[in-house]
């Protein structure tokens, strides 16, 4: 990508990237601010429509993404999805880490 700021579409506008010379730096807006494409602003000043927020009513920390069969998981902070992570092939997120796939209920986190 060209040098500049880019919203992270997986973070409900909470985080953004700065690209420079092929390198990517990740930033998180402070408090409950969201990134509007230019700067971090109050939520009432920008309508974030890039991604549904899977972290509503979830505690801070890692949570399995049940829509992917737990192959992916998200990091939630203050009710917002900060990032999405993916387990290696043949692995699923068990609530703590990526583990070899076996039949289990991935919705329970500890």
C-alpha atoms as a PDB file:
ATOM      1  CA  UNK A   1       0.000   0.000   0.000  1.00  0.00           C
ATOM      2  CA  UNK A   2       0.972   3.597  -0.425  1.00  0.00           C
ATOM      3  CA  UNK A   3       2.331   5.444   2.605  1.00  0.00           C
ATOM      4  CA  UNK A   4      -0.420   6.728   4.877  1.00  0.00           C
ATOM      5  CA  UNK A   5      -3.040   5.893   7.492  1.00  0.00           C
ATOM      6  CA  UNK A   6      -5.529   3.048   7.037  1.00  0.00           C
ATOM      7  CA  UNK A   7      -8.423   1.878   9.207  1.00  0.00           C
ATOM      8  CA  UNK A   8      -8.283  -1.670  10.504  1.00  0.00           C
ATOM      9  CA  UNK A   9     -11.608  -3.062   9.252  1.00  0.00           C
ATOM     10  CA  UNK A  10     -11.518  -5.878  11.824  1.00  0.00           C
ATOM     11  CA  UNK A  11     -11.352  -3.608  14.874  1.00  0.00           C
ATOM     12  CA  UNK A  12     -14.675  -1.730  14.751  1.00  0.00           C
ATOM     13  CA  UNK A  13     -12.614   1.409  14.026  1.00  0.00           C
ATOM     14  CA  UNK A  14     -10.674   1.131  17.309  1.00  0.00           C
ATOM     15  CA  UNK A  15      -7.289   0.576  15.675  1.00  0.00           C
ATOM     16  CA  UNK A  16      -5.569   1.768  12.530  1.00  0.00           C
ATOM     17  CA  UNK A  17      -2.340   1.311  10.613  1.00  0.00           C
ATOM     18  CA  UNK A  18       0.330   3.657   9.377  1.00  0.00           C
ATOM     19  CA  UNK A  19       2.155   2.326   6.337  1.00  0.00           C
ATOM     20  CA  UNK A  20       5.582   3.705   5.470  1.00  0.00           C
ATOM     21  CA  UNK A  21       8.087   2.273   2.999  1.00  0.00           C
ATOM     22  CA  UNK A  22       6.415  -1.145   3.128  1.00  0.00           C
ATOM     23  CA  UNK A  23       6.298  -1.305   6.939  1.00  0.00           C
ATOM     24  CA  UNK A  24       3.090  -1.313   8.967  1.00  0.00           C
ATOM     25  CA  UNK A  25       2.715   0.238  12.416  1.00  0.00           C
ATOM     26  CA  UNK A  26      -0.469  -0.474  14.364  1.00  0.00           C
ATOM     27  CA  UNK A  27      -2.087   2.093  16.644  1.00  0.00           C
ATOM     28  CA  UNK A  28      -5.092   1.915  18.976  1.00  0.00           C
ATOM     29  CA  UNK A  29      -7.271   4.935  19.665  1.00  0.00           C
ATOM     30  CA  UNK A  30      -7.287   5.846  23.384  1.00  0.00           C
ATOM     31  CA  UNK A  31     -10.295   5.375  25.632  1.00  0.00           C
ATOM     32  CA  UNK A  32     -13.516   4.903  23.682  1.00  0.00           C
ATOM     33  CA  UNK A  33     -12.415   6.929  20.657  1.00  0.00           C
ATOM     34  CA  UNK A  34     -12.585   5.489  17.133  1.00  0.00           C
ATOM     35  CA  UNK A  35     -10.555   6.155  13.979  1.00  0.00           C
ATOM     36  CA  UNK A  36     -12.444   8.063  11.275  1.00  0.00           C
ATOM     37  CA  UNK A  37      -9.832   7.636   8.545  1.00  0.00           C
ATOM     38  CA  UNK A  38      -7.890  10.700   9.629  1.00  0.00           C
ATOM     39  CA  UNK A  39      -7.850  10.843  13.425  1.00  0.00           C
ATOM     40  CA  UNK A  40      -9.310   9.356  16.607  1.00  0.00           C
ATOM     41  CA  UNK A  41     -12.674  10.959  17.403  1.00  0.00           C
ATOM     42  CA  UNK A  42     -15.625  10.512  19.754  1.00  0.00           C
ATOM     43  CA  UNK A  43     -17.982   7.703  18.689  1.00  0.00           C
ATOM     44  CA  UNK A  44     -20.858  10.167  18.186  1.00  0.00           C
ATOM     45  CA  UNK A  45     -18.840  12.020  15.524  1.00  0.00           C
ATOM     46  CA  UNK A  46     -18.291   9.041  13.214  1.00  0.00           C
ATOM     47  CA  UNK A  47     -20.428   6.086  12.174  1.00  0.00           C
ATOM     48  CA  UNK A  48     -18.178   3.039  12.026  1.00  0.00           C
ATOM     49  CA  UNK A  49     -19.666   0.586   9.547  1.00  0.00           C
ATOM     50  CA  UNK A  50     -16.571  -1.432   8.641  1.00  0.00           C
ATOM     51  CA  UNK A  51     -17.325  -4.426  10.853  1.00  0.00           C
ATOM     52  CA  UNK A  52     -19.913  -5.684  13.273  1.00  0.00           C
ATOM     53  CA  UNK A  53     -18.637  -5.591  16.823  1.00  0.00           C
ATOM     54  CA  UNK A  54     -18.223  -9.144  18.096  1.00  0.00           C
ATOM     55  CA  UNK A  55     -16.913  -7.881  21.442  1.00  0.00           C
ATOM     56  CA  UNK A  56     -20.066  -6.265  22.777  1.00  0.00           C
ATOM     57  CA  UNK A  57     -20.621  -7.478  26.357  1.00  0.00           C
ATOM     58  CA  UNK A  58     -17.390  -9.523  26.376  1.00  0.00           C
ATOM     59  CA  UNK A  59     -14.568  -9.224  28.893  1.00  0.00           C
ATOM     60  CA  UNK A  60     -11.149  -7.910  27.928  1.00  0.00           C
ATOM     61  CA  UNK A  61      -9.072 -10.689  26.402  1.00  0.00           C
ATOM     62  CA  UNK A  62      -9.156 -13.363  23.726  1.00  0.00           C
ATOM     63  CA  UNK A  63     -12.425 -14.910  22.523  1.00  0.00           C
ATOM     64  CA  UNK A  64     -13.086 -17.614  19.925  1.00  0.00           C
ATOM     65  CA  UNK A  65     -14.804 -16.541  16.708  1.00  0.00           C
ATOM     66  CA  UNK A  66     -17.531 -19.161  16.565  1.00  0.00           C
ATOM     67  CA  UNK A  67     -18.441 -18.178  12.990  1.00  0.00           C
ATOM     68  CA  UNK A  68     -15.130 -19.700  11.841  1.00  0.00           C
ATOM     69  CA  UNK A  69     -15.449 -22.915  13.823  1.00  0.00           C
ATOM     70  CA  UNK A  70     -12.956 -21.411  16.292  1.00  0.00           C
ATOM     71  CA  UNK A  71     -10.197 -21.345  13.669  1.00  0.00           C
ATOM     72  CA  UNK A  72     -10.000 -17.585  14.294  1.00  0.00           C
ATOM     73  CA  UNK A  73     -10.179 -15.654  17.536  1.00  0.00           C
ATOM     74  CA  UNK A  74     -10.408 -12.004  18.485  1.00  0.00           C
ATOM     75  CA  UNK A  75      -8.864  -9.762  21.115  1.00  0.00           C
ATOM     76  CA  UNK A  76     -11.446  -7.604  22.877  1.00  0.00           C
ATOM     77  CA  UNK A  77     -10.653  -4.449  24.843  1.00  0.00           C
ATOM     78  CA  UNK A  78     -13.296  -2.259  26.509  1.00  0.00           C
ATOM     79  CA  UNK A  79     -16.046  -3.810  24.383  1.00  0.00           C
ATOM     80  CA  UNK A  80     -14.247  -3.335  21.073  1.00  0.00           C
ATOM     81  CA  UNK A  81     -12.581  -5.850  18.780  1.00  0.00           C
ATOM     82  CA  UNK A  82      -8.926  -4.820  18.505  1.00  0.00           C
ATOM     83  CA  UNK A  83      -7.669  -7.550  16.205  1.00  0.00           C
ATOM     84  CA  UNK A  84      -8.476 -10.928  14.673  1.00  0.00           C
ATOM     85  CA  UNK A  85      -5.975 -13.769  14.908  1.00  0.00           C
ATOM     86  CA  UNK A  86      -5.908 -17.131  13.156  1.00  0.00           C
ATOM     87  CA  UNK A  87      -4.783 -20.541  14.337  1.00  0.00           C
ATOM     88  CA  UNK A  88      -2.535 -22.677  12.098  1.00  0.00           C
ATOM     89  CA  UNK A  89      -4.227 -25.225   9.826  1.00  0.00           C
ATOM     90  CA  UNK A  90      -5.657 -28.144  11.790  1.00  0.00           C
ATOM     91  CA  UNK A  91      -5.844 -26.094  15.002  1.00  0.00           C
ATOM     92  CA  UNK A  92      -8.665 -24.271  16.794  1.00  0.00           C
ATOM     93  CA  UNK A  93      -8.755 -21.719  19.589  1.00  0.00           C
ATOM     94  CA  UNK A  94      -9.728 -23.443  22.846  1.00  0.00           C
ATOM     95  CA  UNK A  95     -10.231 -20.321  24.955  1.00  0.00           C
ATOM     96  CA  UNK A  96      -6.561 -20.033  25.906  1.00  0.00           C
ATOM     97  CA  UNK A  97      -4.477 -20.958  22.859  1.00  0.00           C
ATOM     98  CA  UNK A  98      -4.491 -22.758  19.518  1.00  0.00           C
ATOM     99  CA  UNK A  99      -4.785 -26.511  19.985  1.00  0.00           C
ATOM    100  CA  UNK A 100      -5.032 -29.483  17.636  1.00  0.00           C
ATOM    101  CA  UNK A 101      -8.570 -29.774  16.313  1.00  0.00           C
ATOM    102  CA  UNK A 102     -10.887 -32.098  18.185  1.00  0.00           C
ATOM    103  CA  UNK A 103     -14.603 -31.980  18.757  1.00  0.00           C
ATOM    104  CA  UNK A 104     -15.206 -29.402  21.461  1.00  0.00           C
ATOM    105  CA  UNK A 105     -17.420 -26.485  22.341  1.00  0.00           C
ATOM    106  CA  UNK A 106     -15.364 -23.436  21.459  1.00  0.00           C
ATOM    107  CA  UNK A 107     -17.713 -20.855  22.945  1.00  0.00           C
ATOM    108  CA  UNK A 108     -16.501 -21.434  26.507  1.00  0.00           C
ATOM    109  CA  UNK A 109     -13.482 -19.335  27.479  1.00  0.00           C
ATOM    110  CA  UNK A 110     -11.618 -19.484  30.747  1.00  0.00           C
END
